[in-house]
Amino acid sequence: MTSSLSEDELSKLQEAIENESILIAKDVIADLYKGFEKVMMFAGGLLYNVAKKAGKSMVKNVIERGLITPEHALEALIYTIEKSGYADRMEIVERNEKKIVIRAWGTLLGAKLSEERRKKPVDAPVVGFIAGWLEEAWGRKVDGKEVKCLAKGDPYCEFELKLK
């Protein structure tokens, strides 16, 4: 399962990110999240599920187009999230057959909402996207949860992904 992306794969993935993405200011996305919170008690759960579907759809597309292989899905995911601006940096801190733990610094919502000192994690859309991407790529059920969050005062965000 562990392998690195080739320069060709990185180039193709970068091209897909640039040509098929839209640019929205990070402040606007944070404001949208806050708006969801005001009208819905369970904004995180809804956004997790929507983002999970988006992650599944995106990885299915890039695999079908031959841009990456399922074996490179995790590395391609981290590259995509960093290049798209959803996190400044990500690091895999644990990886086995049943669990993956990813740390992230400068996450879109966690960093933007950190001055508000939230009680709950706010990066449900990011962890949902990650879970959906890996679930579709690997054909295994993946459930994700944010266990540490910049917005709560933690030094980084940490996502636990359980593979079934």
N, C-alpha and C. Protein backbone atom coordinates (compact mmCIF):
# COMPACT_ATOMS: atom_id res chain seq x y z
N MET A 1 0.80 -1.19 0.00
CA MET A 1 0.00 0.00 0.00
C MET A 1 0.85 1.27 0.00
N THR A 2 2.03 1.21 0.56
CA THR A 2 2.87 2.40 0.67
C THR A 2 3.72 2.56 -0.58
N SER A 3 3.63 3.72 -1.20
CA SER A 3 4.48 4.04 -2.32
C SER A 3 4.43 5.54 -2.55
N SER A 4 5.40 6.04 -3.30
CA SER A 4 5.46 7.47 -3.57
C SER A 4 4.89 7.76 -4.94
N LEU A 5 4.39 8.96 -5.10
CA LEU A 5 3.90 9.39 -6.40
C LEU A 5 5.08 9.74 -7.30
N SER A 6 4.99 9.34 -8.55
CA SER A 6 6.04 9.69 -9.51
C SER A 6 5.88 11.16 -9.92
N GLU A 7 6.92 11.70 -10.53
CA GLU A 7 6.85 13.09 -11.01
C GLU A 7 5.72 13.26 -12.02
N ASP A 8 5.52 12.24 -12.86
CA ASP A 8 4.45 12.29 -13.86
C ASP A 8 3.08 12.32 -13.18
N GLU A 9 2.90 11.47 -12.15
CA GLU A 9 1.63 11.46 -11.42
C GLU A 9 1.38 12.80 -10.73
N LEU A 10 2.43 13.36 -10.12
CA LEU A 10 2.30 14.67 -9.47
C LEU A 10 1.91 15.75 -10.47
N SER A 11 2.53 15.73 -11.62
CA SER A 11 2.24 16.72 -12.65
C SER A 11 0.79 16.62 -13.13
N LYS A 12 0.34 15.40 -13.39
CA LYS A 12 -1.03 15.19 -13.85
C LYS A 12 -2.04 15.58 -12.78
N LEU A 13 -1.74 15.23 -11.55
CA LEU A 13 -2.64 15.58 -10.44
C LEU A 13 -2.70 17.09 -10.26
N GLN A 14 -1.55 17.75 -10.34
CA GLN A 14 -1.51 19.21 -10.22
C GLN A 14 -2.35 19.86 -11.33
N GLU A 15 -2.23 19.34 -12.53
CA GLU A 15 -3.00 19.88 -13.66
C GLU A 15 -4.50 19.72 -13.41
N ALA A 16 -4.90 18.56 -12.89
CA ALA A 16 -6.32 18.34 -12.59
C ALA A 16 -6.81 19.30 -11.52
N ILE A 17 -6.00 19.52 -10.50
CA ILE A 17 -6.38 20.45 -9.42
C ILE A 17 -6.56 21.85 -9.99
N GLU A 18 -5.63 22.29 -10.81
CA GLU A 18 -5.68 23.65 -11.36
C GLU A 18 -6.82 23.84 -12.35
N ASN A 19 -7.09 22.83 -13.16
CA ASN A 19 -8.09 22.97 -14.22
C ASN A 19 -9.52 22.67 -13.78
N GLU A 20 -9.68 21.95 -12.69
CA GLU A 20 -11.02 21.50 -12.31
C GLU A 20 -11.47 22.00 -10.95
N SER A 21 -10.80 22.98 -10.41
CA SER A 21 -11.15 23.52 -9.11
C SER A 21 -11.59 24.97 -9.26
N ILE A 22 -12.30 25.44 -8.24
CA ILE A 22 -12.66 26.85 -8.22
C ILE A 22 -11.97 27.51 -7.04
N LEU A 23 -11.73 28.78 -7.18
CA LEU A 23 -11.04 29.52 -6.14
C LEU A 23 -12.07 30.27 -5.29
N ILE A 24 -12.07 29.99 -4.01
CA ILE A 24 -12.93 30.69 -3.06
C ILE A 24 -12.04 31.12 -1.90
N ALA A 25 -12.12 32.37 -1.51
CA ALA A 25 -11.29 32.87 -0.41
C ALA A 25 -11.56 32.08 0.86
N LYS A 26 -10.50 31.81 1.61
CA LYS A 26 -10.61 31.04 2.85
C LYS A 26 -11.56 31.70 3.84
N ASP A 27 -11.54 33.03 3.91
CA ASP A 27 -12.46 33.73 4.82
C ASP A 27 -13.91 33.47 4.44
N VAL A 28 -14.20 33.40 3.15
CA VAL A 28 -15.56 33.14 2.69
C VAL A 28 -16.00 31.75 3.12
N ILE A 29 -15.11 30.77 2.98
CA ILE A 29 -15.46 29.41 3.38
C ILE A 29 -15.69 29.35 4.89
N ALA A 30 -14.86 30.02 5.67
CA ALA A 30 -15.07 30.05 7.13
C ALA A 30 -16.40 30.72 7.46
N ASP A 31 -16.75 31.78 6.76
CA ASP A 31 -18.04 32.44 6.99
C ASP A 31 -19.21 31.54 6.61
N LEU A 32 -19.06 30.79 5.52
CA LEU A 32 -20.10 29.83 5.14
C LEU A 32 -20.30 28.78 6.23
N TYR A 33 -19.19 28.28 6.77
CA TYR A 33 -19.27 27.29 7.85
C TYR A 33 -20.01 27.87 9.05
N LYS A 34 -19.67 29.09 9.43
CA LYS A 34 -20.34 29.73 10.56
C LYS A 34 -21.83 29.92 10.27
N GLY A 35 -22.17 30.23 9.03
CA GLY A 35 -23.57 30.37 8.64
C GLY A 35 -24.32 29.06 8.79
N PHE A 36 -23.69 27.96 8.37
CA PHE A 36 -24.30 26.64 8.56
C PHE A 36 -24.55 26.37 10.04
N GLU A 37 -23.57 26.70 10.86
CA GLU A 37 -23.71 26.48 12.31
C GLU A 37 -24.91 27.23 12.89
N LYS A 38 -25.16 28.43 12.39
CA LYS A 38 -26.26 29.23 12.93
C LYS A 38 -27.62 28.64 12.60
N VAL A 39 -27.75 28.04 11.43
CA VAL A 39 -29.06 27.52 11.03
C VAL A 39 -29.24 26.03 11.29
N MET A 40 -28.15 25.33 11.59
CA MET A 40 -28.23 23.88 11.81
C MET A 40 -27.41 23.50 13.03
N MET A 41 -28.01 22.72 13.89
CA MET A 41 -27.26 22.26 15.07
C MET A 41 -26.18 21.26 14.70
N PHE A 42 -26.39 20.51 13.65
CA PHE A 42 -25.47 19.44 13.29
C PHE A 42 -24.74 19.74 11.98
N ALA A 43 -24.23 20.95 11.86
CA ALA A 43 -23.53 21.35 10.64
C ALA A 43 -22.36 20.42 10.35
N GLY A 44 -21.61 20.04 11.38
CA GLY A 44 -20.44 19.19 11.19
C GLY A 44 -20.79 17.86 10.56
N GLY A 45 -21.85 17.21 11.05
CA GLY A 45 -22.26 15.92 10.51
C GLY A 45 -22.71 16.01 9.07
N LEU A 46 -23.48 17.02 8.77
CA LEU A 46 -23.94 17.22 7.40
C LEU A 46 -22.76 17.49 6.47
N LEU A 47 -21.89 18.39 6.88
CA LEU A 47 -20.74 18.73 6.04
C LEU A 47 -19.77 17.55 5.89
N TYR A 48 -19.65 16.73 6.94
CA TYR A 48 -18.82 15.51 6.85
C TYR A 48 -19.36 14.62 5.72
N ASN A 49 -20.67 14.38 5.74
CA ASN A 49 -21.27 13.48 4.75
C ASN A 49 -21.21 14.04 3.33
N VAL A 50 -21.44 15.32 3.18
CA VAL A 50 -21.35 15.95 1.86
C VAL A 50 -19.90 15.88 1.35
N ALA A 51 -18.95 16.19 2.22
CA ALA A 51 -17.54 16.15 1.83
C ALA A 51 -17.08 14.72 1.55
N LYS A 52 -17.64 13.74 2.26
CA LYS A 52 -17.28 12.34 2.01
C LYS A 52 -17.70 11.95 0.59
N LYS A 53 -18.88 12.37 0.19
CA LYS A 53 -19.33 12.10 -1.18
C LYS A 53 -18.43 12.80 -2.20
N ALA A 54 -18.02 14.02 -1.88
CA ALA A 54 -17.13 14.76 -2.78
C ALA A 54 -15.78 14.06 -2.91
N GLY A 55 -15.24 13.57 -1.80
CA GLY A 55 -13.98 12.84 -1.83
C GLY A 55 -14.07 11.58 -2.68
N LYS A 56 -15.18 10.85 -2.52
CA LYS A 56 -15.39 9.64 -3.33
C LYS A 56 -15.44 9.99 -4.82
N SER A 57 -16.19 11.02 -5.13
CA SER A 57 -16.36 11.42 -6.53
C SER A 57 -15.04 11.86 -7.15
N MET A 58 -14.28 12.64 -6.41
CA MET A 58 -13.02 13.16 -6.97
C MET A 58 -12.01 12.06 -7.21
N VAL A 59 -11.83 11.17 -6.23
CA VAL A 59 -10.82 10.12 -6.42
C VAL A 59 -11.26 9.13 -7.51
N LYS A 60 -12.55 8.87 -7.59
CA LYS A 60 -13.03 7.99 -8.66
C LYS A 60 -12.66 8.59 -10.02
N ASN A 61 -12.86 9.88 -10.16
CA ASN A 61 -12.54 10.58 -11.39
C ASN A 61 -11.05 10.51 -11.72
N VAL A 62 -10.19 10.80 -10.74
CA VAL A 62 -8.75 10.81 -11.04
C VAL A 62 -8.21 9.40 -11.28
N ILE A 63 -8.80 8.40 -10.64
CA ILE A 63 -8.37 7.01 -10.90
C ILE A 63 -8.83 6.57 -12.29
N GLU A 64 -10.10 6.85 -12.62
CA GLU A 64 -10.62 6.47 -13.94
C GLU A 64 -9.84 7.12 -15.08
N ARG A 65 -9.35 8.32 -14.85
CA ARG A 65 -8.58 9.02 -15.87
C ARG A 65 -7.11 8.60 -15.88
N GLY A 66 -6.73 7.70 -14.99
CA GLY A 66 -5.37 7.20 -14.96
C GLY A 66 -4.37 8.16 -14.35
N LEU A 67 -4.86 9.14 -13.58
CA LEU A 67 -3.95 10.12 -12.98
C LEU A 67 -3.22 9.55 -11.77
N ILE A 68 -3.88 8.66 -11.04
CA ILE A 68 -3.26 7.97 -9.90
C ILE A 68 -3.76 6.54 -9.87
N THR A 69 -3.11 5.72 -9.06
CA THR A 69 -3.57 4.35 -8.82
C THR A 69 -4.06 4.27 -7.37
N PRO A 70 -4.89 3.28 -7.06
CA PRO A 70 -5.35 3.13 -5.68
C PRO A 70 -4.19 3.00 -4.68
N GLU A 71 -3.08 2.41 -5.12
CA GLU A 71 -1.93 2.25 -4.24
C GLU A 71 -1.34 3.60 -3.82
N HIS A 72 -1.52 4.61 -4.64
CA HIS A 72 -0.99 5.94 -4.35
C HIS A 72 -2.04 6.89 -3.78
N ALA A 73 -3.20 6.35 -3.44
CA ALA A 73 -4.34 7.20 -3.05
C ALA A 73 -4.04 8.09 -1.84
N LEU A 74 -3.40 7.56 -0.83
CA LEU A 74 -3.15 8.36 0.38
C LEU A 74 -2.16 9.49 0.09
N GLU A 75 -1.10 9.18 -0.61
CA GLU A 75 -0.12 10.21 -0.95
C GLU A 75 -0.73 11.27 -1.86
N ALA A 76 -1.55 10.83 -2.82
CA ALA A 76 -2.21 11.77 -3.74
C ALA A 76 -3.22 12.63 -2.99
N LEU A 77 -3.89 12.07 -2.02
CA LEU A 77 -4.84 12.82 -1.19
C LEU A 77 -4.14 13.95 -0.45
N ILE A 78 -3.05 13.63 0.21
CA ILE A 78 -2.31 14.65 0.96
C ILE A 78 -1.80 15.74 0.02
N TYR A 79 -1.27 15.33 -1.11
CA TYR A 79 -0.81 16.30 -2.11
C TYR A 79 -1.96 17.21 -2.54
N THR A 80 -3.10 16.63 -2.83
CA THR A 80 -4.27 17.38 -3.29
C THR A 80 -4.75 18.37 -2.23
N ILE A 81 -4.83 17.94 -0.99
CA ILE A 81 -5.30 18.82 0.09
C ILE A 81 -4.33 19.98 0.30
N GLU A 82 -3.05 19.69 0.29
CA GLU A 82 -2.06 20.76 0.47
C GLU A 82 -2.07 21.74 -0.71
N LYS A 83 -2.09 21.22 -1.92
CA LYS A 83 -2.06 22.08 -3.11
C LYS A 83 -3.35 22.89 -3.26
N SER A 84 -4.46 22.36 -2.77
CA SER A 84 -5.74 23.05 -2.87
C SER A 84 -5.93 24.08 -1.76
N GLY A 85 -5.07 24.05 -0.76
CA GLY A 85 -5.15 25.04 0.31
C GLY A 85 -6.03 24.66 1.48
N TYR A 86 -6.44 23.41 1.56
CA TYR A 86 -7.27 22.99 2.69
C TYR A 86 -6.43 22.71 3.93
N ALA A 87 -5.14 22.59 3.75
CA ALA A 87 -4.19 22.49 4.86
C ALA A 87 -2.83 22.94 4.33
N ASP A 88 -2.06 23.58 5.20
CA ASP A 88 -0.72 24.00 4.80
C ASP A 88 0.23 22.81 4.71
N ARG A 89 0.07 21.89 5.67
CA ARG A 89 0.96 20.72 5.73
C ARG A 89 0.24 19.57 6.40
N MET A 90 0.46 18.36 5.91
CA MET A 90 -0.11 17.16 6.50
C MET A 90 0.99 16.12 6.66
N GLU A 91 0.82 15.28 7.67
CA GLU A 91 1.81 14.24 7.95
C GLU A 91 1.08 13.00 8.45
N ILE A 92 1.46 11.85 7.90
CA ILE A 92 0.91 10.58 8.37
C ILE A 92 1.72 10.18 9.59
N VAL A 93 1.07 10.05 10.75
CA VAL A 93 1.79 9.71 11.98
C VAL A 93 1.56 8.26 12.41
N GLU A 94 0.53 7.64 11.85
CA GLU A 94 0.29 6.22 12.13
C GLU A 94 -0.42 5.63 10.93
N ARG A 95 -0.01 4.42 10.55
CA ARG A 95 -0.64 3.76 9.41
C ARG A 95 -0.51 2.26 9.57
N ASN A 96 -1.65 1.60 9.66
CA ASN A 96 -1.68 0.15 9.66
C ASN A 96 -2.94 -0.30 8.93
N GLU A 97 -3.24 -1.58 8.96
CA GLU A 97 -4.37 -2.10 8.21
C GLU A 97 -5.73 -1.64 8.74
N LYS A 98 -5.79 -1.21 9.99
CA LYS A 98 -7.07 -0.83 10.59
C LYS A 98 -7.21 0.66 10.89
N LYS A 99 -6.10 1.39 10.87
CA LYS A 99 -6.17 2.78 11.31
C LYS A 99 -5.09 3.62 10.65
N ILE A 100 -5.48 4.85 10.32
CA ILE A 100 -4.53 5.85 9.82
C ILE A 100 -4.75 7.11 10.65
N VAL A 101 -3.66 7.71 11.09
CA VAL A 101 -3.74 8.98 11.81
C VAL A 101 -2.95 10.01 11.02
N ILE A 102 -3.61 11.12 10.71
CA ILE A 102 -2.99 12.20 9.94
C ILE A 102 -3.02 13.47 10.77
N ARG A 103 -1.88 14.13 10.85
CA ARG A 103 -1.81 15.45 11.50
C ARG A 103 -1.80 16.51 10.41
N ALA A 104 -2.44 17.63 10.72
CA ALA A 104 -2.51 18.72 9.75
C ALA A 104 -2.29 20.05 10.44
N TRP A 105 -1.54 20.91 9.79
CA TRP A 105 -1.29 22.26 10.27
C TRP A 105 -1.87 23.24 9.26
N GLY A 106 -2.43 24.32 9.77
CA GLY A 106 -2.98 25.34 8.89
C GLY A 106 -4.21 24.89 8.13
N THR A 107 -5.06 24.09 8.77
CA THR A 107 -6.28 23.64 8.09
C THR A 107 -7.20 24.83 7.85
N LEU A 108 -7.96 24.72 6.80
CA LEU A 108 -8.81 25.82 6.37
C LEU A 108 -9.70 26.35 7.49
N LEU A 109 -10.49 25.51 8.10
CA LEU A 109 -11.39 25.97 9.15
C LEU A 109 -10.70 26.05 10.50
N GLY A 110 -9.91 25.06 10.84
CA GLY A 110 -9.23 25.05 12.14
C GLY A 110 -8.39 26.29 12.36
N ALA A 111 -7.62 26.67 11.37
CA ALA A 111 -6.77 27.86 11.49
C ALA A 111 -7.60 29.14 11.48
N LYS A 112 -8.59 29.22 10.61
CA LYS A 112 -9.40 30.43 10.50
C LYS A 112 -10.26 30.67 11.74
N LEU A 113 -10.68 29.60 12.40
CA LEU A 113 -11.57 29.74 13.56
C LEU A 113 -10.84 29.58 14.89
N SER A 114 -9.51 29.50 14.85
CA SER A 114 -8.74 29.24 16.07
C SER A 114 -8.83 30.37 17.09
N GLU A 115 -8.98 31.59 16.64
CA GLU A 115 -9.06 32.70 17.60
C GLU A 115 -10.37 32.68 18.39
N GLU A 116 -11.35 31.92 17.92
CA GLU A 116 -12.64 31.83 18.62
C GLU A 116 -12.64 30.77 19.72
N ARG A 117 -11.62 29.95 19.81
CA ARG A 117 -11.50 28.87 20.80
C ARG A 117 -12.81 28.05 20.89
N ARG A 118 -12.99 27.20 19.92
CA ARG A 118 -14.17 26.36 19.83
C ARG A 118 -14.14 25.22 20.84
N LYS A 119 -15.32 24.73 21.21
CA LYS A 119 -15.41 23.57 22.11
C LYS A 119 -15.30 22.26 21.34
N LYS A 120 -15.72 22.28 20.08
CA LYS A 120 -15.71 21.08 19.25
C LYS A 120 -14.82 21.30 18.03
N PRO A 121 -14.29 20.21 17.48
CA PRO A 121 -13.51 20.32 16.24
C PRO A 121 -14.36 20.89 15.11
N VAL A 122 -13.72 21.56 14.17
CA VAL A 122 -14.46 22.22 13.09
C VAL A 122 -14.12 21.71 11.69
N ASP A 123 -13.19 20.79 11.57
CA ASP A 123 -12.75 20.35 10.24
C ASP A 123 -13.46 19.10 9.74
N ALA A 124 -14.75 18.96 10.08
CA ALA A 124 -15.53 17.82 9.59
C ALA A 124 -15.50 17.71 8.07
N PRO A 125 -15.56 18.82 7.33
CA PRO A 125 -15.49 18.67 5.87
C PRO A 125 -14.16 18.08 5.38
N VAL A 126 -13.07 18.43 6.02
CA VAL A 126 -11.77 17.90 5.61
C VAL A 126 -11.68 16.40 5.91
N VAL A 127 -12.06 16.02 7.12
CA VAL A 127 -11.96 14.60 7.48
C VAL A 127 -12.98 13.77 6.68
N GLY A 128 -14.13 14.35 6.36
CA GLY A 128 -15.10 13.66 5.52
C GLY A 128 -14.55 13.42 4.12
N PHE A 129 -13.91 14.44 3.56
CA PHE A 129 -13.30 14.31 2.24
C PHE A 129 -12.24 13.22 2.24
N ILE A 130 -11.41 13.21 3.27
CA ILE A 130 -10.36 12.19 3.40
C ILE A 130 -10.98 10.80 3.45
N ALA A 131 -11.99 10.62 4.30
CA ALA A 131 -12.63 9.31 4.46
C ALA A 131 -13.25 8.84 3.14
N GLY A 132 -13.93 9.73 2.45
CA GLY A 132 -14.55 9.36 1.18
C GLY A 132 -13.53 9.00 0.12
N TRP A 133 -12.47 9.78 0.05
CA TRP A 133 -11.40 9.54 -0.93
C TRP A 133 -10.81 8.14 -0.73
N LEU A 134 -10.44 7.83 0.51
CA LEU A 134 -9.81 6.54 0.79
C LEU A 134 -10.80 5.38 0.64
N GLU A 135 -12.04 5.59 1.06
CA GLU A 135 -13.05 4.54 0.94
C GLU A 135 -13.25 4.14 -0.52
N GLU A 136 -13.39 5.11 -1.37
CA GLU A 136 -13.59 4.83 -2.81
C GLU A 136 -12.34 4.23 -3.43
N ALA A 137 -11.19 4.76 -3.11
CA ALA A 137 -9.94 4.28 -3.72
C ALA A 137 -9.61 2.86 -3.32
N TRP A 138 -9.85 2.53 -2.06
CA TRP A 138 -9.43 1.23 -1.55
C TRP A 138 -10.56 0.21 -1.46
N GLY A 139 -11.80 0.63 -1.68
CA GLY A 139 -12.91 -0.31 -1.62
C GLY A 139 -13.16 -0.86 -0.23
N ARG A 140 -12.84 -0.07 0.78
CA ARG A 140 -13.05 -0.45 2.18
C ARG A 140 -13.82 0.66 2.87
N LYS A 141 -14.65 0.30 3.80
CA LYS A 141 -15.37 1.31 4.59
C LYS A 141 -14.36 2.09 5.42
N VAL A 142 -14.48 3.42 5.41
CA VAL A 142 -13.58 4.29 6.16
C VAL A 142 -14.42 5.29 6.94
N ASP A 143 -14.22 5.33 8.24
CA ASP A 143 -14.87 6.32 9.09
C ASP A 143 -13.80 7.22 9.67
N GLY A 144 -14.03 8.53 9.60
CA GLY A 144 -13.05 9.48 10.09
C GLY A 144 -13.59 10.36 11.19
N LYS A 145 -12.67 10.82 12.02
CA LYS A 145 -13.03 11.70 13.13
C LYS A 145 -11.85 12.62 13.41
N GLU A 146 -12.16 13.88 13.68
CA GLU A 146 -11.13 14.82 14.09
C GLU A 146 -10.99 14.75 15.60
N VAL A 147 -9.82 14.36 16.09
CA VAL A 147 -9.62 14.19 17.54
C VAL A 147 -8.86 15.34 18.17
N LYS A 148 -8.17 16.12 17.37
CA LYS A 148 -7.50 17.34 17.84
C LYS A 148 -7.78 18.42 16.80
N CYS A 149 -7.89 19.67 17.29
CA CYS A 149 -8.26 20.75 16.37
C CYS A 149 -7.62 22.06 16.79
N LEU A 150 -7.05 22.76 15.82
CA LEU A 150 -6.48 24.08 16.06
C LEU A 150 -7.51 25.02 16.67
N ALA A 151 -8.76 24.92 16.23
CA ALA A 151 -9.81 25.82 16.73
C ALA A 151 -10.13 25.58 18.20
N LYS A 152 -9.75 24.42 18.72
CA LYS A 152 -9.94 24.13 20.15
C LYS A 152 -8.72 24.52 20.97
N GLY A 153 -7.67 24.94 20.32
CA GLY A 153 -6.44 25.30 21.02
C GLY A 153 -5.35 24.26 20.93
N ASP A 154 -5.61 23.16 20.23
CA ASP A 154 -4.58 22.14 20.03
C ASP A 154 -3.51 22.68 19.08
N PRO A 155 -2.28 22.15 19.15
CA PRO A 155 -1.20 22.67 18.30
C PRO A 155 -1.34 22.29 16.82
N TYR A 156 -2.22 21.35 16.51
CA TYR A 156 -2.46 20.89 15.14
C TYR A 156 -3.81 20.19 15.13
N CYS A 157 -4.29 19.90 13.95
CA CYS A 157 -5.49 19.08 13.81
C CYS A 157 -5.02 17.63 13.61
N GLU A 158 -5.78 16.72 14.15
CA GLU A 158 -5.43 15.30 13.98
C GLU A 158 -6.68 14.53 13.61
N PHE A 159 -6.56 13.77 12.53
CA PHE A 159 -7.67 12.99 12.01
C PHE A 159 -7.38 11.51 12.18
N GLU A 160 -8.32 10.80 12.80
CA GLU A 160 -8.24 9.34 12.94
C GLU A 160 -9.18 8.72 11.92
N LEU A 161 -8.65 7.81 11.14
CA LEU A 161 -9.44 7.12 10.13
C LEU A 161 -9.43 5.64 10.44
N LYS A 162 -10.62 5.08 10.63
CA LYS A 162 -10.73 3.65 10.91
C LYS A 162 -11.13 2.94 9.63
N LEU A 163 -10.33 1.94 9.26
CA LEU A 163 -10.55 1.16 8.05
C LEU A 163 -11.23 -0.15 8.42
N LYS A 164 -12.29 -0.47 7.72
CA LYS A 164 -13.02 -1.71 8.03
C LYS A 164 -12.96 -2.66 6.87
